[in-house]
Protein backbone atom coordinates (compact mmCIF):
# COMPACT_ATOMS: atom_id res chain seq x y z
CA MET A 1 12.16 -29.49 11.39
CA PRO A 2 10.71 -26.79 8.70
CA GLN A 3 11.76 -27.61 5.28
CA GLU A 4 15.14 -27.05 4.30
CA THR A 5 14.47 -26.06 0.87
CA PHE A 6 11.74 -23.39 -0.69
CA ARG A 7 10.44 -21.63 -3.37
CA ALA A 8 11.06 -18.02 -4.02
CA LEU A 9 11.27 -14.91 -6.53
CA ILE A 10 14.78 -14.70 -7.21
CA VAL A 11 15.91 -11.21 -8.81
CA GLU A 12 19.31 -11.20 -10.12
CA GLU A 13 21.38 -8.80 -11.16
CA ILE A 14 22.96 -10.37 -14.98
CA GLU A 15 24.82 -7.32 -16.18
CA PRO A 16 25.72 -4.22 -15.09
CA GLY A 17 21.81 -2.76 -14.70
CA ARG A 18 20.54 -5.71 -16.46
CA PHE A 19 18.08 -7.88 -14.04
CA ARG A 20 15.93 -10.78 -14.60
CA SER A 21 13.30 -12.12 -12.88
CA ARG A 22 13.05 -16.00 -12.17
CA ILE A 23 11.48 -18.35 -9.98
CA GLY A 24 14.21 -20.87 -7.72
CA ASP A 25 14.61 -22.43 -4.73
CA ARG A 26 16.45 -21.42 -1.74
CA ARG A 27 17.37 -22.58 1.22
CA LEU A 28 16.48 -21.39 4.95
CA THR A 29 19.99 -20.52 4.89
CA ASP A 30 20.01 -18.05 2.53
CA LEU A 31 17.17 -16.06 4.74
CA PRO A 32 18.51 -13.12 7.14
CA LEU A 33 18.97 -13.42 10.38
CA GLY A 34 15.56 -13.07 12.98
CA GLU A 35 13.72 -14.64 15.27
CA LEU A 36 10.80 -15.20 13.62
CA LEU A 37 10.48 -18.14 10.85
CA VAL A 38 7.18 -17.57 8.97
CA ARG A 39 5.55 -20.17 6.45
CA VAL A 40 4.09 -17.22 3.78
CA ASP A 41 1.31 -18.75 2.21
CA TRP A 42 -0.30 -15.06 1.03
CA SER A 43 1.33 -12.00 -0.65
CA SER A 44 0.26 -8.93 -1.94
CA VAL A 45 2.20 -6.60 -5.49
CA ASN A 46 2.86 -3.19 -4.49
CA TYR A 47 4.64 -0.63 -6.94
CA LYS A 48 7.83 -0.48 -4.42
CA ASP A 49 8.04 -4.41 -5.54
CA ALA A 50 8.01 -3.46 -8.93
CA LEU A 51 10.52 -1.27 -8.59
CA SER A 52 12.86 -3.50 -6.49
CA ALA A 53 12.56 -6.25 -9.30
CA ALA A 54 13.78 -3.70 -11.93
CA GLY A 55 16.91 -3.12 -10.04
CA HIS A 56 16.08 0.33 -8.49
CA ARG A 57 19.07 0.88 -5.83
CA GLY A 58 17.23 3.76 -4.12
CA VAL A 59 14.65 0.52 -3.07
CA THR A 60 17.14 -2.85 -3.12
CA ARG A 61 20.55 -2.18 -2.94
CA HIS A 62 22.17 -5.74 -3.31
CA TYR A 63 20.88 -8.49 -5.35
CA PRO A 64 20.48 -11.42 -5.89
CA HIS A 65 17.48 -10.80 -4.07
CA THR A 66 13.81 -11.97 -3.19
CA PRO A 67 11.26 -8.48 -3.11
CA GLY A 68 7.51 -8.43 -1.37
CA ILE A 69 7.44 -5.78 1.05
CA ASP A 70 4.00 -8.11 2.18
CA ALA A 71 3.29 -11.44 3.96
CA ALA A 72 0.55 -13.56 5.38
CA GLY A 73 1.27 -16.61 6.99
CA VAL A 74 2.06 -19.29 9.45
CA VAL A 75 4.35 -18.94 12.09
CA LEU A 76 7.03 -22.48 12.31
CA GLU A 77 9.81 -21.20 14.88
CA ASP A 78 9.58 -18.13 16.96
CA SER A 79 12.88 -17.65 19.12
CA SER A 80 11.72 -14.75 20.94
CA GLY A 81 8.77 -16.37 22.47
CA THR A 82 6.20 -13.69 21.18
CA PHE A 83 4.51 -16.49 18.83
CA ALA A 84 3.92 -19.57 19.43
CA PRO A 85 4.38 -21.94 16.55
CA GLY A 86 1.33 -22.18 14.54
CA GLU A 87 0.19 -18.22 14.88
CA GLU A 88 -1.05 -16.85 12.17
CA VAL A 89 0.82 -13.31 11.42
CA ILE A 90 1.01 -10.42 9.11
CA VAL A 91 4.20 -8.48 8.56
CA THR A 92 4.17 -5.72 6.18
CA GLY A 93 6.54 -2.66 6.15
CA HIS A 94 9.99 -2.04 7.67
CA ASP A 95 12.69 -3.29 5.45
CA LEU A 96 10.96 -6.63 4.12
CA GLY A 97 11.43 -6.89 0.44
CA MET A 98 13.82 -3.73 0.26
CA ASN A 99 17.33 -5.23 1.61
CA THR A 100 15.60 -7.97 3.53
CA ALA A 101 14.50 -10.99 1.95
CA GLY A 102 10.60 -10.61 1.55
CA GLY A 103 7.33 -11.83 0.92
CA PHE A 104 7.53 -13.74 -2.60
CA ALA A 105 8.93 -16.92 -1.01
CA GLN A 106 6.94 -19.71 0.99
CA ARG A 107 9.73 -18.67 3.90
CA ILE A 108 10.82 -15.48 5.51
CA ARG A 109 12.45 -15.21 8.49
CA VAL A 110 12.73 -11.11 10.44
CA PRO A 111 12.65 -10.18 13.76
CA ALA A 112 9.51 -10.68 16.01
CA ALA A 113 9.05 -7.44 16.31
CA TRP A 114 7.73 -6.65 12.65
CA ALA A 115 5.02 -9.00 12.49
CA VAL A 116 1.11 -8.56 14.38
CA PRO A 117 -0.88 -10.88 15.02
CA LEU A 118 -3.46 -11.43 12.91
CA PRO A 119 -7.19 -10.09 14.36
CA ALA A 120 -10.07 -12.12 14.81
CA GLY A 121 -12.06 -11.32 11.47
CA LEU A 122 -10.16 -11.52 8.96
CA SER A 123 -7.96 -14.70 6.90
CA THR A 124 -4.62 -14.97 5.54
CA ARG A 125 -6.07 -14.27 1.87
CA GLN A 126 -7.96 -11.52 3.54
CA SER A 127 -5.12 -9.58 4.91
CA MET A 128 -3.04 -9.73 1.76
CA GLN A 129 -6.30 -8.76 -0.47
CA LEU A 130 -5.61 -5.41 1.87
CA GLY A 131 -1.81 -5.67 2.27
CA THR A 132 0.53 -2.46 2.58
CA ALA A 133 -2.01 -0.56 -0.10
CA GLY A 134 -5.06 -1.34 2.90
CA PHE A 135 -3.62 -0.46 5.42
CA THR A 136 -2.10 2.54 3.91
CA ALA A 137 -5.53 3.67 3.18
CA ALA A 138 -6.89 3.06 6.83
CA LEU A 139 -3.61 4.85 8.34
CA ALA A 140 -5.32 7.91 6.09
CA LEU A 141 -8.44 7.61 6.93
CA LEU A 142 -7.50 7.57 10.73
CA ARG A 143 -4.98 10.48 10.38
CA LEU A 144 -8.27 12.67 8.57
CA GLN A 145 -10.54 11.57 11.23
CA GLN A 146 -8.33 12.86 13.82
CA GLU A 147 -8.00 15.87 12.11
CA GLY A 148 -11.82 15.91 12.25
CA ILE A 149 -12.59 15.17 8.99
CA THR A 150 -16.11 13.10 9.10
CA PRO A 151 -18.75 12.36 6.22
CA ASP A 152 -20.46 15.71 6.86
CA CYS A 153 -17.45 17.64 6.40
CA GLY A 154 -18.03 16.95 2.59
CA VAL A 155 -16.30 15.46 -0.42
CA VAL A 156 -12.70 14.00 0.53
CA LEU A 157 -10.61 13.45 -3.15
CA VAL A 158 -8.99 10.56 -3.57
CA THR A 159 -6.29 10.80 -5.97
CA GLY A 160 -4.51 7.97 -8.32
CA GLY A 161 -7.92 6.17 -7.37
CA SER A 162 -7.45 2.68 -9.67
CA GLY A 163 -3.87 2.51 -7.47
CA GLY A 164 -3.92 0.18 -5.00
CA VAL A 165 -4.10 2.63 -2.27
CA GLY A 166 -6.38 5.07 -3.97
CA SER A 167 -8.72 1.87 -4.74
CA LEU A 168 -9.02 0.80 -1.50
CA ALA A 169 -9.10 4.38 -0.01
CA LEU A 170 -12.32 4.92 -2.21
CA ARG A 171 -13.68 1.88 -0.80
CA LEU A 172 -12.95 2.41 2.64
CA LEU A 173 -14.51 5.98 2.83
CA ALA A 174 -17.77 5.25 0.97
CA HIS A 175 -18.06 2.17 3.57
CA LEU A 176 -18.07 4.36 6.35
CA GLY A 177 -20.86 6.95 5.04
CA TYR A 178 -18.01 9.43 3.41
CA GLN A 179 -18.62 11.04 -0.32
CA PRO A 180 -15.19 10.19 -2.14
CA ALA A 181 -14.31 11.65 -5.57
CA ALA A 182 -11.86 10.25 -7.76
CA LEU A 183 -8.92 12.15 -9.60
CA ASN A 184 -8.94 10.08 -13.02
CA GLY A 185 -6.50 9.97 -15.46
CA ARG A 186 -7.71 7.42 -17.55
CA THR A 187 -11.51 8.07 -19.14
CA ASP A 188 -11.59 4.27 -19.40
CA ARG A 189 -11.37 3.73 -15.55
CA SER A 190 -14.08 5.97 -14.47
CA ASP A 191 -16.94 3.10 -14.47
CA TRP A 192 -14.46 1.16 -12.63
CA LEU A 193 -13.91 4.33 -10.22
CA LEU A 194 -17.71 4.50 -9.75
CA ARG A 195 -18.06 0.93 -8.75
CA GLN A 196 -15.40 1.04 -5.98
CA GLY A 197 -17.33 3.91 -3.95
CA ALA A 198 -16.87 7.31 -6.15
CA VAL A 199 -19.86 9.42 -5.81
CA GLU A 200 -17.53 11.84 -8.81
CA ILE A 201 -15.21 11.48 -11.04
CA VAL A 202 -12.42 14.51 -11.33
CA PRO A 203 -10.49 14.85 -14.58
CA ALA A 204 -6.82 14.63 -14.28
CA ASP A 205 -6.26 18.47 -16.14
CA ALA A 206 -8.70 19.97 -13.38
CA GLY A 207 -6.95 18.24 -10.41
CA ILE A 208 -3.81 20.73 -11.75
CA ASP A 209 -3.59 24.71 -11.04
CA THR A 210 -1.75 26.61 -13.26
CA SER A 211 -3.32 29.97 -12.73
CA GLY A 212 -0.90 30.99 -10.02
CA ARG A 213 -3.07 31.91 -7.32
CA MET A 214 -2.31 31.16 -3.96
CA LEU A 215 -5.46 30.08 -3.24
CA LEU A 216 -8.06 28.50 -4.89
CA HIS A 217 -12.00 27.85 -3.79
CA GLY A 218 -12.75 25.38 -1.71
CA ARG A 219 -14.07 22.36 -2.72
CA TRP A 220 -12.46 19.35 -0.76
CA ALA A 221 -12.90 18.41 3.02
CA GLY A 222 -9.70 16.62 2.81
CA ALA A 223 -8.24 14.48 0.63
CA VAL A 224 -5.81 11.38 0.15
CA ASP A 225 -3.02 11.69 -2.18
CA THR A 226 -1.05 9.62 -3.95
CA LEU A 227 0.59 11.29 -6.05
CA GLY A 228 2.59 14.31 -4.94
CA GLY A 229 3.91 17.25 -6.88
CA GLU A 230 1.86 19.48 -8.54
CA VAL A 231 -1.66 17.69 -7.75
CA LEU A 232 -0.66 17.87 -3.95
CA ALA A 233 0.18 21.92 -4.17
CA THR A 234 -3.49 22.38 -6.29
CA LEU A 235 -5.00 19.97 -3.46
CA LEU A 236 -3.48 21.88 -0.51
CA LYS A 237 -5.13 25.29 -2.26
CA SER A 238 -8.35 24.26 -3.09
CA LEU A 239 -9.38 22.58 0.61
CA LEU A 240 -12.40 23.69 2.46
CA PRO A 241 -11.17 25.76 5.79
CA GLY A 242 -9.09 23.22 8.14
CA GLY A 243 -9.51 20.52 5.20
CA CYS A 244 -6.35 17.73 5.21
CA VAL A 245 -4.48 16.77 3.11
CA ALA A 246 -3.40 12.66 4.18
CA ALA A 247 -0.02 12.38 1.34
CA CYS A 248 1.33 8.74 1.27
CA GLY A 249 2.85 8.57 -1.95
CA ASN A 250 4.58 10.69 -4.91
CA ALA A 251 3.67 8.63 -8.11
CA ALA A 252 3.72 11.82 -10.46
CA SER A 253 6.99 13.72 -8.29
CA HIS A 254 8.39 13.89 -5.27
CA ARG A 255 8.36 17.58 -5.66
CA LEU A 256 6.14 19.80 -3.42
CA ASP A 257 5.87 23.79 -4.66
CA THR A 258 3.70 25.55 -2.67
CA THR A 259 3.46 28.82 -0.17
CA VAL A 260 2.31 28.88 3.03
CA TYR A 261 -0.71 30.97 2.60
CA PRO A 262 -3.08 27.73 2.45
CA PHE A 263 -2.11 26.79 5.97
CA ILE A 264 -1.56 30.16 7.57
CA LEU A 265 -4.98 31.55 5.93
CA ASN A 266 -6.91 28.80 5.38
CA GLY A 267 -5.63 26.31 8.17
CA ALA A 268 -4.82 23.30 5.91
CA ILE A 269 -3.10 20.32 7.23
CA LEU A 270 -0.82 18.02 5.33
CA ALA A 271 -0.30 14.90 6.91
CA GLY A 272 2.27 12.55 6.03
CA ILE A 273 1.51 9.03 5.61
CA ASN A 274 4.57 6.40 6.35
CA SER A 275 2.72 2.85 6.30
CA ALA A 276 6.47 1.15 6.92
CA THR A 277 8.04 2.89 9.73
CA THR A 278 4.14 3.30 11.67
CA PRO A 279 4.78 1.98 15.33
CA MET A 280 3.10 -1.41 16.46
CA GLN A 281 0.14 0.91 18.32
CA ARG A 282 -1.10 2.32 15.58
CA ARG A 283 -0.54 -0.89 13.49
CA LEU A 284 -2.30 -2.39 15.59
CA GLN A 285 -5.26 0.40 15.74
CA ALA A 286 -5.65 0.29 12.08
CA TRP A 287 -5.58 -3.44 11.31
CA ASN A 288 -8.01 -4.23 14.03
CA ARG A 289 -10.11 -1.59 12.50
CA LEU A 290 -9.78 -3.56 9.06
CA ALA A 291 -10.98 -6.74 10.74
CA GLY A 292 -13.73 -5.10 12.76
CA GLU A 293 -16.09 -2.16 12.06
CA TRP A 294 -14.08 -1.14 8.39
CA ARG A 295 -14.45 -4.91 7.34
CA LEU A 296 -14.84 -4.88 3.31
CA PRO A 297 -17.63 -6.73 2.30
CA GLN A 298 -16.17 -7.98 -0.94
CA LEU A 299 -12.94 -7.72 -1.84
CA ASP A 300 -12.87 -10.54 -4.85
CA ASP A 301 -13.65 -7.67 -7.17
CA LEU A 302 -11.03 -5.93 -6.34
CA THR A 303 -8.03 -8.68 -6.84
CA THR A 304 -6.75 -10.96 -9.37
CA GLU A 305 -5.34 -14.10 -8.00
CA ILE A 306 -2.29 -15.47 -9.25
CA GLY A 307 0.66 -17.34 -8.48
CA LEU A 308 4.46 -17.69 -7.36
CA ASP A 309 5.09 -18.53 -10.81
CA ASP A 310 3.09 -15.23 -12.32
CA LEU A 311 5.33 -13.08 -11.01
CA PRO A 312 8.42 -11.86 -13.08
CA THR A 313 5.07 -11.60 -15.91
CA VAL A 314 2.82 -9.07 -13.52
CA LEU A 315 6.23 -7.33 -12.12
CA ALA A 316 7.14 -6.32 -15.48
CA GLN A 317 3.91 -5.03 -16.16
CA LEU A 318 2.86 -3.15 -13.51
CA PRO A 319 4.48 0.18 -13.95
CA ALA A 320 2.23 0.52 -17.41
CA GLY A 321 -0.85 0.46 -14.82
CA HIS A 322 -2.81 -2.06 -17.09
CA VAL A 323 -4.98 -3.80 -14.45
CA PRO A 324 -6.59 -1.75 -11.91
CA GLY A 325 -6.66 -2.87 -8.25
CA ARG A 326 -4.26 -5.10 -6.48
CA PHE A 327 -3.12 -8.88 -7.44
CA LEU A 328 -3.17 -11.64 -4.74
CA VAL A 329 -0.24 -13.54 -4.56
CA ARG A 330 -0.84 -17.24 -3.29
CA LEU A 331 2.91 -18.80 -1.95
CA GLU A 332 1.73 -22.29 -1.38
CA ASP A 333 1.19 -25.05 -4.20
């Protein structure tokens, strides 16, 4: 039988509206119902995890809670018969880490339908160097390709380039022969973004149009947008004819003030990317691409490896954006 206790990050509401994160022991009986019990070897840190750890009720309703929307490890039990003990799996999205105890723990229990078999060509560690961020970037690229955006169409703009999704989108685009540009709000990140594959750095103020014009001179064949708000509205006005924006975030704003003109006069396409609810067939397609022809040769320089004990500090600092790239979490001692 698997061990009865395991280590986990536990977020507690110590008084109304005040939350504390600590590392403690949990029991298997604390985990939710589900067919699949997984020993988590690796996880990664995402912005949504920081929100959950801060007590954001739009992410997590009830506490105490263990965040972590990403997990990769080894199957211990599966009452559904889908997986055999010892198989390696990836679990991302769905409700993991939101209202279901998540990947910042040495064990998770989830429905078997949430798990993806680890594709050949990736280790569990490499899969979490990508995590939800890499998976989302892959979904965005799949959608751009579906809309006919190929490397010879022109420059593809990536917003939020120093974040997880943005940095991996830059890497993937460059790896596949595209010309990615990075919208950059911090001048001290320009060299870092160039190392991720950006061929051009676009100042943040150039990413927001205040002219009031309905359309702008076409500049971008496509875009991967993690910011939303005025940046997304400007992107739509700045696309080349038939261009596509894959929108996957609202770090700047959830609002979108635009007109129909980019769509009816310029054929602009706004494609929403929701990695949490992606159907299994699409999940397998994205992960198999990431493990195969889209496999990135070097990710260690993009990720900072931390242990479970480091998580409270990292989660508290993450919203400030002090460190570009991604945090890889080692769960096993």
